């Protein structure tokens, strides 16, 4: 296998997911099998007796969002049931190519899920922090903002002015002082000392 690298395509089933084989970078697990997320070469990394199946793309950054990751995404379409986003960063790493994400109405917040209205939580152009949910479709990530730290972090008013958070559910225009509804993220500084200054 060293001489002839195994090539694969996105969505291609690679092997069973069991006690000796687990999904790694560039792959995902679904219904007991490991699939490729990328077009590239299959690499198997042995660690503690477990074979980690990875897929790498030549000359390209191989980081992809995985379940549990906190990602930065930009909203580009909203409907009554969901909003569609482009995932731009995983943690602190800026992605070279964007991934598609969907944030469903029931995943916007942890409480009163049935009362959530997408247009009162997000608007096209908003930058949000979200968590990756378990993957159910090969080419789309399910997102959640159901934690206090997740939601809108950067937004602009209808006139293009920056909005600043004034509560969990509202942001205010810095020029016109008009308030707009949003699902606001509670941004926690990495260094607690930053809060004192």
Protein backbone atom coordinates (compact mmCIF):
# COMPACT_ATOMS: atom_id res chain seq x y z
CA UNK A 1 0.00 0.00 0.00
CA UNK A 2 3.02 2.27 0.49
CA UNK A 3 3.90 2.07 -3.23
CA UNK A 4 0.33 2.37 -4.50
CA UNK A 5 -1.59 4.94 -2.43
CA UNK A 6 -5.32 4.25 -2.19
CA UNK A 7 -7.25 7.14 -3.75
CA UNK A 8 -10.81 8.01 -2.76
CA UNK A 9 -13.61 10.48 -3.49
CA UNK A 10 -15.87 12.45 -1.10
CA UNK A 11 -18.63 10.23 0.27
CA UNK A 12 -16.80 7.01 -0.65
CA UNK A 13 -17.16 4.17 1.87
CA UNK A 14 -13.71 3.13 3.09
CA UNK A 15 -14.18 0.40 5.72
CA UNK A 16 -16.13 -0.78 8.75
CA UNK A 17 -16.02 1.33 11.89
CA UNK A 18 -15.30 -1.05 14.77
CA UNK A 19 -13.08 -1.47 17.83
CA UNK A 20 -9.93 -1.62 15.68
CA UNK A 21 -10.83 1.03 13.04
CA UNK A 22 -11.88 4.58 13.86
CA UNK A 23 -12.62 7.70 11.86
CA UNK A 24 -9.85 10.31 11.70
CA UNK A 25 -9.04 13.51 9.84
CA UNK A 26 -10.85 13.86 6.51
CA UNK A 27 -13.35 11.09 7.27
CA UNK A 28 -16.64 10.62 9.08
CA UNK A 29 -18.53 7.67 10.53
CA UNK A 30 -22.10 6.77 9.58
CA UNK A 31 -24.14 3.64 10.32
CA UNK A 32 -21.11 1.55 11.23
CA UNK A 33 -18.91 2.53 8.29
CA UNK A 34 -16.15 5.09 7.73
CA UNK A 35 -16.55 7.41 4.73
CA UNK A 36 -14.24 9.91 3.08
CA UNK A 37 -15.00 13.65 3.28
CA UNK A 38 -12.37 14.56 0.69
CA UNK A 39 -10.91 13.52 -2.62
CA UNK A 40 -7.43 12.37 -1.73
CA UNK A 41 -5.29 9.50 -0.46
CA UNK A 42 -6.20 7.15 2.38
CA UNK A 43 -3.75 7.01 5.26
CA UNK A 44 -3.96 4.62 8.22
CA UNK A 45 -2.35 5.77 11.47
CA UNK A 46 -1.87 3.19 14.21
CA UNK A 47 -2.33 4.44 17.78
CA UNK A 48 -2.76 2.29 20.91
CA UNK A 49 -3.70 -0.74 18.82
CA UNK A 50 -6.40 1.17 16.93
CA UNK A 51 -6.13 2.00 13.24
CA UNK A 52 -7.19 5.61 12.58
CA UNK A 53 -8.41 5.99 9.00
CA UNK A 54 -7.54 9.42 7.53
CA UNK A 55 -7.85 11.04 4.12
CA UNK A 56 -5.36 13.69 2.99
CA UNK A 57 -5.49 15.98 -0.03
CA UNK A 58 -2.22 16.87 -1.71
CA UNK A 59 -1.16 20.49 -1.33
CA UNK A 60 -4.33 21.42 0.50
CA UNK A 61 -5.14 21.98 4.11
CA UNK A 62 -6.74 18.78 5.38
CA UNK A 63 -8.55 20.14 8.41
CA UNK A 64 -12.29 19.60 8.20
CA UNK A 65 -15.01 20.19 10.78
CA UNK A 66 -15.82 17.14 12.91
CA UNK A 67 -18.58 16.43 15.41
CA UNK A 68 -18.21 18.57 18.54
CA UNK A 69 -16.03 21.26 16.91
CA UNK A 70 -16.82 24.94 17.51
CA UNK A 71 -16.88 26.65 14.12
CA UNK A 72 -17.24 30.20 12.82
CA UNK A 73 -19.79 30.46 10.03
CA UNK A 74 -21.51 33.13 7.96
CA UNK A 75 -25.26 33.00 7.41
CA UNK A 76 -26.29 33.41 3.77
CA UNK A 77 -29.91 32.17 3.55
CA UNK A 78 -32.70 32.12 6.13
CA UNK A 79 -36.09 30.40 5.94
CA UNK A 80 -38.74 29.76 8.60
CA UNK A 81 -37.25 26.34 9.38
CA UNK A 82 -33.49 26.81 9.09
CA UNK A 83 -30.61 29.00 8.03
CA UNK A 84 -27.82 28.00 5.68
CA UNK A 85 -24.24 28.96 6.44
CA UNK A 86 -20.73 28.79 5.05
CA UNK A 87 -18.31 27.37 7.65
CA UNK A 88 -15.17 29.53 7.49
CA UNK A 89 -13.11 28.53 10.56
CA UNK A 90 -12.68 25.49 12.78
CA UNK A 91 -11.55 26.76 16.18
CA UNK A 92 -8.78 29.28 15.40
CA UNK A 93 -7.95 27.78 11.99
CA UNK A 94 -9.21 29.60 8.88
CA UNK A 95 -10.29 27.10 6.23
CA UNK A 96 -9.02 27.38 2.67
CA UNK A 97 -12.37 26.26 1.34
CA UNK A 98 -15.77 26.78 2.92
CA UNK A 99 -18.06 23.97 4.01
CA UNK A 100 -21.86 24.15 3.94
CA UNK A 101 -23.74 24.08 7.21
CA UNK A 102 -27.42 24.05 8.14
CA UNK A 103 -28.77 25.36 11.44
CA UNK A 104 -32.30 24.08 12.03
CA UNK A 105 -34.89 25.96 14.07
CA UNK A 106 -34.88 23.32 16.84
CA UNK A 107 -31.08 23.66 17.28
CA UNK A 108 -31.01 27.46 17.76
CA UNK A 109 -31.39 27.41 21.55
CA UNK A 110 -31.71 24.93 24.39
CA UNK A 111 -35.07 26.11 25.79
CA UNK A 112 -38.46 26.95 24.23
CA UNK A 113 -37.36 25.36 20.96
CA UNK A 114 -40.90 25.47 19.54
CA UNK A 115 -41.03 29.27 19.96
CA UNK A 116 -37.82 30.00 18.03
CA UNK A 117 -38.19 32.23 14.99
CA UNK A 118 -35.18 32.10 12.65
CA UNK A 119 -35.52 35.72 11.45
CA UNK A 120 -35.44 36.90 15.09
CA UNK A 121 -32.24 34.92 15.70
CA UNK A 122 -30.12 35.40 12.55
CA UNK A 123 -29.94 37.50 9.39
CA UNK A 124 -27.98 36.91 6.17
CA UNK A 125 -24.41 38.18 6.60
CA UNK A 126 -24.27 37.46 10.36
CA UNK A 127 -21.11 35.78 11.66
CA UNK A 128 -21.98 33.06 14.17
CA UNK A 129 -20.25 30.60 16.47
CA UNK A 130 -21.81 27.13 16.30
CA UNK A 131 -21.11 23.54 17.28
CA UNK A 132 -20.98 20.69 14.76
CA UNK A 133 -23.66 18.04 15.41
CA UNK A 134 -23.36 14.36 14.36
CA UNK A 135 -23.16 14.14 10.56
CA UNK A 136 -26.29 12.85 8.82
CA UNK A 137 -25.56 13.97 5.24
CA UNK A 138 -22.30 13.61 3.33
CA UNK A 139 -21.97 17.20 2.09
CA UNK A 140 -23.75 19.29 4.73
CA UNK A 141 -22.92 19.85 8.38
CA UNK A 142 -25.69 20.21 10.98
CA UNK A 143 -24.98 23.12 13.33
CA UNK A 144 -26.24 24.05 16.78
CA UNK A 145 -26.19 27.33 18.75
CA UNK A 146 -28.03 25.86 21.76
CA UNK A 147 -25.30 26.90 24.24
CA UNK A 148 -24.92 30.37 25.82
CA UNK A 149 -21.45 30.81 24.25
CA UNK A 150 -22.82 30.16 20.75
CA UNK A 151 -24.79 32.43 18.43
CA UNK A 152 -24.22 35.74 16.64
CA UNK A 153 -20.84 37.37 17.30
CA UNK A 154 -20.65 39.91 14.45
CA UNK A 155 -23.64 41.52 12.74
CA UNK A 156 -24.55 44.64 10.80
CA UNK A 157 -27.79 46.60 10.66
CA UNK A 158 -29.92 46.89 7.54
CA UNK A 159 -27.99 50.09 6.76
CA UNK A 160 -24.62 48.35 7.08
CA UNK A 161 -23.58 49.73 10.48
CA UNK A 162 -22.04 47.41 13.13
CA UNK A 163 -24.38 46.03 15.79
CA UNK A 164 -23.33 45.61 19.42
CA UNK A 165 -24.96 43.11 21.83
CA UNK A 166 -27.16 44.63 24.54
CA UNK A 167 -28.80 41.40 25.79
CA UNK A 168 -29.06 37.67 24.97
CA UNK A 169 -31.75 38.42 22.40
CA UNK A 170 -30.95 41.91 21.07
CA UNK A 171 -28.24 43.88 19.33
CA UNK A 172 -28.17 47.63 18.76
CA UNK A 173 -26.94 49.69 15.81
CA UNK A 174 -23.95 51.85 16.73
CA UNK A 175 -25.16 54.72 14.49
CA UNK A 176 -28.99 54.73 14.61
CA UNK A 177 -29.39 52.95 18.00
CA UNK A 178 -32.16 50.82 16.45
CA UNK A 179 -32.46 47.45 18.21
CA UNK A 180 -32.60 44.21 16.23
CA UNK A 181 -33.41 40.72 17.53
CA UNK A 182 -30.61 38.12 17.47
CA UNK A 183 -29.53 34.93 19.25
CA UNK A 184 -26.46 36.58 20.77
CA UNK A 185 -23.37 34.57 21.75
CA UNK A 186 -21.94 35.12 25.22
CA UNK A 187 -18.30 35.52 24.20
CA UNK A 188 -16.02 34.29 26.98
CA UNK A 189 -12.42 35.61 26.87
CA UNK A 190 -9.75 32.90 26.72
CA UNK A 191 -7.80 34.66 29.46
CA UNK A 192 -9.98 35.44 32.53
CA UNK A 193 -7.64 38.39 33.35
CA UNK A 194 -9.01 40.13 30.24
CA UNK A 195 -12.32 40.54 32.07
CA UNK A 196 -10.73 42.62 34.81
CA UNK A 197 -9.18 45.24 32.52
